[in-house]
Amino acid sequence: MEEVKIYDASGRVVGSWKDIGLYVEIPMTKMADGIYVVKAKSSSTMVEIKLVHINE
């Protein structure tokens, strides 16, 4: 992946990684409960995933 970004519900970037390998581990434990959008981009593909994070 060339770039992975996490956006909160208001559209602010709350996490960003560049020039990573095929996998990325996203540390969500310190993030507030809520809805997030993860966007991952490579040279030929862009993936957008919506997720709900709930701390337990």
PDB file of N, CA and C in Angstrom:
ATOM      1  N   MET A   1       0.833  -1.181   0.000  1.00  0.00           N
ATOM      2  CA  MET A   1       0.000   0.000   0.000  1.00  0.00           C
ATOM      3  C   MET A   1       0.876   1.242   0.000  1.00  0.00           C
ATOM      4  N   GLU A   2       0.451   2.201  -0.774  1.00  0.00           N
ATOM      5  CA  GLU A   2       1.150   3.481  -0.789  1.00  0.00           C
ATOM      6  C   GLU A   2       0.741   4.360   0.381  1.00  0.00           C
ATOM      7  N   GLU A   3      -0.569   4.298   0.728  1.00  0.00           N
ATOM      8  CA  GLU A   3      -1.060   5.183   1.775  1.00  0.00           C
ATOM      9  C   GLU A   3      -2.333   4.618   2.392  1.00  0.00           C
ATOM     10  N   VAL A   4      -2.441   4.734   3.718  1.00  0.00           N
ATOM     11  CA  VAL A   4      -3.651   4.371   4.448  1.00  0.00           C
ATOM     12  C   VAL A   4      -3.987   5.543   5.357  1.00  0.00           C
ATOM     13  N   LYS A   5      -5.248   5.986   5.322  1.00  0.00           N
ATOM     14  CA  LYS A   5      -5.701   7.074   6.192  1.00  0.00           C
ATOM     15  C   LYS A   5      -6.987   6.660   6.881  1.00  0.00           C
ATOM     16  N   ILE A   6      -7.150   7.139   8.127  1.00  0.00           N
ATOM     17  CA  ILE A   6      -8.381   6.932   8.873  1.00  0.00           C
ATOM     18  C   ILE A   6      -9.014   8.296   9.106  1.00  0.00           C
ATOM     19  N   TYR A   7     -10.312   8.386   8.809  1.00  0.00           N
ATOM     20  CA  TYR A   7     -11.064   9.619   8.998  1.00  0.00           C
ATOM     21  C   TYR A   7     -12.139   9.393  10.052  1.00  0.00           C
ATOM     22  N   ASP A   8     -12.374  10.405  10.900  1.00  0.00           N
ATOM     23  CA  ASP A   8     -13.476  10.291  11.850  1.00  0.00           C
ATOM     24  C   ASP A   8     -14.767  10.743  11.169  1.00  0.00           C
ATOM     25  N   ALA A   9     -15.864  10.744  11.919  1.00  0.00           N
ATOM     26  CA  ALA A   9     -17.174  11.055  11.338  1.00  0.00           C
ATOM     27  C   ALA A   9     -17.263  12.482  10.794  1.00  0.00           C
ATOM     28  N   SER A  10     -16.428  13.389  11.308  1.00  0.00           N
ATOM     29  CA  SER A  10     -16.466  14.769  10.818  1.00  0.00           C
ATOM     30  C   SER A  10     -15.539  14.994   9.622  1.00  0.00           C
ATOM     31  N   GLY A  11     -14.820  13.934   9.201  1.00  0.00           N
ATOM     32  CA  GLY A  11     -13.954  14.037   8.035  1.00  0.00           C
ATOM     33  C   GLY A  11     -12.506  14.374   8.339  1.00  0.00           C
ATOM     34  N   ARG A  12     -12.156  14.493   9.629  1.00  0.00           N
ATOM     35  CA  ARG A  12     -10.761  14.781  10.005  1.00  0.00           C
ATOM     36  C   ARG A  12      -9.912  13.518   9.913  1.00  0.00           C
ATOM     37  N   VAL A  13      -8.688  13.676   9.452  1.00  0.00           N
ATOM     38  CA  VAL A  13      -7.744  12.553   9.414  1.00  0.00           C
ATOM     39  C   VAL A  13      -7.253  12.316  10.843  1.00  0.00           C
ATOM     40  N   VAL A  14      -7.456  11.104  11.354  1.00  0.00           N
ATOM     41  CA  VAL A  14      -7.029  10.775  12.717  1.00  0.00           C
ATOM     42  C   VAL A  14      -5.885   9.766  12.722  1.00  0.00           C
ATOM     43  N   GLY A  15      -5.502   9.278  11.569  1.00  0.00           N
ATOM     44  CA  GLY A  15      -4.370   8.362  11.433  1.00  0.00           C
ATOM     45  C   GLY A  15      -3.924   8.319   9.986  1.00  0.00           C
ATOM     46  N   SER A  16      -2.607   8.197   9.783  1.00  0.00           N
ATOM     47  CA  SER A  16      -2.086   8.185   8.428  1.00  0.00           C
ATOM     48  C   SER A  16      -0.781   7.397   8.382  1.00  0.00           C
ATOM     49  N   TRP A  17      -0.638   6.537   7.379  1.00  0.00           N
ATOM     50  CA  TRP A  17       0.568   5.740   7.172  1.00  0.00           C
ATOM     51  C   TRP A  17       0.919   5.782   5.694  1.00  0.00           C
ATOM     52  N   LYS A  18       2.210   5.856   5.379  1.00  0.00           N
ATOM     53  CA  LYS A  18       2.662   5.893   3.981  1.00  0.00           C
ATOM     54  C   LYS A  18       3.704   4.811   3.737  1.00  0.00           C
ATOM     55  N   ASP A  19       3.759   4.371   2.483  1.00  0.00           N
ATOM     56  CA  ASP A  19       4.756   3.401   2.027  1.00  0.00           C
ATOM     57  C   ASP A  19       4.866   2.194   2.956  1.00  0.00           C
ATOM     58  N   ILE A  20       3.714   1.576   3.185  1.00  0.00           N
ATOM     59  CA  ILE A  20       3.686   0.384   4.035  1.00  0.00           C
ATOM     60  C   ILE A  20       3.599  -0.846   3.149  1.00  0.00           C
ATOM     61  N   GLY A  21       3.755  -2.004   3.745  1.00  0.00           N
ATOM     62  CA  GLY A  21       3.669  -3.242   2.997  1.00  0.00           C
ATOM     63  C   GLY A  21       2.230  -3.604   2.680  1.00  0.00           C
ATOM     64  N   LEU A  22       2.008  -4.866   2.499  1.00  0.00           N
ATOM     65  CA  LEU A  22       0.684  -5.353   2.140  1.00  0.00           C
ATOM     66  C   LEU A  22      -0.304  -5.268   3.303  1.00  0.00           C
ATOM     67  N   TYR A  23       0.197  -5.340   4.533  1.00  0.00           N
ATOM     68  CA  TYR A  23      -0.660  -5.333   5.717  1.00  0.00           C
ATOM     69  C   TYR A  23      -0.310  -4.153   6.611  1.00  0.00           C
ATOM     70  N   VAL A  24      -1.330  -3.641   7.302  1.00  0.00           N
ATOM     71  CA  VAL A  24      -1.103  -2.591   8.296  1.00  0.00           C
ATOM     72  C   VAL A  24      -1.957  -2.909   9.517  1.00  0.00           C
ATOM     73  N   GLU A  25      -1.386  -2.763  10.691  1.00  0.00           N
ATOM     74  CA  GLU A  25      -2.129  -2.941  11.923  1.00  0.00           C
ATOM     75  C   GLU A  25      -2.485  -1.558  12.444  1.00  0.00           C
ATOM     76  N   ILE A  26      -3.769  -1.323  12.640  1.00  0.00           N
ATOM     77  CA  ILE A  26      -4.243  -0.009  13.049  1.00  0.00           C
ATOM     78  C   ILE A  26      -4.559  -0.042  14.546  1.00  0.00           C
ATOM     79  N   PRO A  27      -3.824   0.728  15.349  1.00  0.00           N
ATOM     80  CA  PRO A  27      -4.070   0.742  16.791  1.00  0.00           C
ATOM     81  C   PRO A  27      -5.308   1.580  17.126  1.00  0.00           C
ATOM     82  N   MET A  28      -6.403   0.928  17.452  1.00  0.00           N
ATOM     83  CA  MET A  28      -7.667   1.621  17.702  1.00  0.00           C
ATOM     84  C   MET A  28      -7.969   1.784  19.191  1.00  0.00           C
ATOM     85  N   THR A  29      -7.158   1.212  20.072  1.00  0.00           N
ATOM     86  CA  THR A  29      -7.497   1.208  21.496  1.00  0.00           C
ATOM     87  C   THR A  29      -7.579   2.601  22.104  1.00  0.00           C
ATOM     88  N   LYS A  30      -6.838   3.562  21.582  1.00  0.00           N
ATOM     89  CA  LYS A  30      -6.861   4.918  22.132  1.00  0.00           C
ATOM     90  C   LYS A  30      -7.833   5.836  21.396  1.00  0.00           C
ATOM     91  N   MET A  31      -8.526   5.293  20.425  1.00  0.00           N
ATOM     92  CA  MET A  31      -9.474   6.103  19.660  1.00  0.00           C
ATOM     93  C   MET A  31     -10.839   6.055  20.328  1.00  0.00           C
ATOM     94  N   ALA A  32     -11.581   7.142  20.201  1.00  0.00           N
ATOM     95  CA  ALA A  32     -12.911   7.235  20.792  1.00  0.00           C
ATOM     96  C   ALA A  32     -13.882   6.317  20.057  1.00  0.00           C
ATOM     97  N   ASP A  33     -14.934   5.922  20.762  1.00  0.00           N
ATOM     98  CA  ASP A  33     -16.000   5.168  20.118  1.00  0.00           C
ATOM     99  C   ASP A  33     -16.566   6.001  18.983  1.00  0.00           C
ATOM    100  N   GLY A  34     -16.925   5.362  17.897  1.00  0.00           N
ATOM    101  CA  GLY A  34     -17.529   6.110  16.803  1.00  0.00           C
ATOM    102  C   GLY A  34     -17.390   5.418  15.468  1.00  0.00           C
ATOM    103  N   ILE A  35     -17.794   6.124  14.450  1.00  0.00           N
ATOM    104  CA  ILE A  35     -17.754   5.629  13.077  1.00  0.00           C
ATOM    105  C   ILE A  35     -16.527   6.224  12.398  1.00  0.00           C
ATOM    106  N   TYR A  36     -15.792   5.379  11.701  1.00  0.00           N
ATOM    107  CA  TYR A  36     -14.571   5.786  11.012  1.00  0.00           C
ATOM    108  C   TYR A  36     -14.594   5.286   9.576  1.00  0.00           C
ATOM    109  N   VAL A  37     -13.833   5.943   8.732  1.00  0.00           N
ATOM    110  CA  VAL A  37     -13.643   5.500   7.355  1.00  0.00           C
ATOM    111  C   VAL A  37     -12.150   5.276   7.158  1.00  0.00           C
ATOM    112  N   VAL A  38     -11.809   4.088   6.667  1.00  0.00           N
ATOM    113  CA  VAL A  38     -10.420   3.761   6.357  1.00  0.00           C
ATOM    114  C   VAL A  38     -10.286   3.774   4.844  1.00  0.00           C
ATOM    115  N   LYS A  39      -9.331   4.554   4.349  1.00  0.00           N
ATOM    116  CA  LYS A  39      -9.062   4.602   2.909  1.00  0.00           C
ATOM    117  C   LYS A  39      -7.643   4.119   2.675  1.00  0.00           C
ATOM    118  N   ALA A  40      -7.520   3.088   1.843  1.00  0.00           N
ATOM    119  CA  ALA A  40      -6.212   2.516   1.503  1.00  0.00           C
ATOM    120  C   ALA A  40      -6.000   2.664   0.004  1.00  0.00           C
ATOM    121  N   LYS A  41      -4.811   3.161  -0.363  1.00  0.00           N
ATOM    122  CA  LYS A  41      -4.532   3.436  -1.770  1.00  0.00           C
ATOM    123  C   LYS A  41      -3.224   2.775  -2.180  1.00  0.00           C
ATOM    124  N   SER A  42      -3.263   2.103  -3.326  1.00  0.00           N
ATOM    125  CA  SER A  42      -2.049   1.589  -3.950  1.00  0.00           C
ATOM    126  C   SER A  42      -1.944   2.244  -5.319  1.00  0.00           C
ATOM    127  N   SER A  43      -0.973   1.852  -6.099  1.00  0.00           N
ATOM    128  CA  SER A  43      -0.793   2.474  -7.415  1.00  0.00           C
ATOM    129  C   SER A  43      -1.965   2.206  -8.353  1.00  0.00           C
ATOM    130  N   SER A  44      -2.690   1.107  -8.135  1.00  0.00           N
ATOM    131  CA  SER A  44      -3.769   0.770  -9.067  1.00  0.00           C
ATOM    132  C   SER A  44      -5.152   0.666  -8.420  1.00  0.00           C
ATOM    133  N   THR A  45      -5.239   0.770  -7.097  1.00  0.00           N
ATOM    134  CA  THR A  45      -6.506   0.517  -6.416  1.00  0.00           C
ATOM    135  C   THR A  45      -6.695   1.461  -5.241  1.00  0.00           C
ATOM    136  N   MET A  46      -7.972   1.806  -4.984  1.00  0.00           N
ATOM    137  CA  MET A  46      -8.319   2.530  -3.763  1.00  0.00           C
ATOM    138  C   MET A  46      -9.478   1.803  -3.118  1.00  0.00           C
ATOM    139  N   VAL A  47      -9.341   1.517  -1.820  1.00  0.00           N
ATOM    140  CA  VAL A  47     -10.377   0.804  -1.073  1.00  0.00           C
ATOM    141  C   VAL A  47     -10.858   1.714   0.046  1.00  0.00           C
ATOM    142  N   GLU A  48     -12.176   1.752   0.241  1.00  0.00           N
ATOM    143  CA  GLU A  48     -12.752   2.538   1.326  1.00  0.00           C
ATOM    144  C   GLU A  48     -13.596   1.609   2.174  1.00  0.00           C
ATOM    145  N   ILE A  49     -13.324   1.590   3.479  1.00  0.00           N
ATOM    146  CA  ILE A  49     -14.037   0.717   4.410  1.00  0.00           C
ATOM    147  C   ILE A  49     -14.602   1.568   5.529  1.00  0.00           C
ATOM    148  N   LYS A  50     -15.878   1.415   5.814  1.00  0.00           N
ATOM    149  CA  LYS A  50     -16.487   2.090   6.955  1.00  0.00           C
ATOM    150  C   LYS A  50     -16.518   1.103   8.120  1.00  0.00           C
ATOM    151  N   LEU A  51     -16.189   1.611   9.322  1.00  0.00           N
ATOM    152  CA  LEU A  51     -16.216   0.722  10.481  1.00  0.00           C
ATOM    153  C   LEU A  51     -16.730   1.457  11.697  1.00  0.00           C
ATOM    154  N   VAL A  52     -17.278   0.676  12.624  1.00  0.00           N
ATOM    155  CA  VAL A  52     -17.753   1.195  13.904  1.00  0.00           C
ATOM    156  C   VAL A  52     -16.790   0.679  14.967  1.00  0.00           C
ATOM    157  N   HIS A  53     -16.251   1.603  15.764  1.00  0.00           N
ATOM    158  CA  HIS A  53     -15.305   1.222  16.823  1.00  0.00           C
ATOM    159  C   HIS A  53     -15.979   1.425  18.177  1.00  0.00           C
ATOM    160  N   ILE A  54     -15.956   0.365  18.999  1.00  0.00           N
ATOM    161  CA  ILE A  54     -16.503   0.426  20.352  1.00  0.00           C
ATOM    162  C   ILE A  54     -15.465  -0.147  21.303  1.00  0.00           C
ATOM    163  N   ASN A  55     -14.995   0.669  22.245  1.00  0.00           N
ATOM    164  CA  ASN A  55     -14.069   0.177  23.279  1.00  0.00           C
ATOM    165  C   ASN A  55     -14.861  -0.660  24.261  1.00  0.00           C
ATOM    166  N   GLU A  56     -14.305  -1.788  24.629  1.00  0.00           N
ATOM    167  CA  GLU A  56     -15.002  -2.646  25.596  1.00  0.00           C
ATOM    168  C   GLU A  56     -14.224  -2.731  26.861  1.00  0.00           C
TER     169      GLU A  56
END
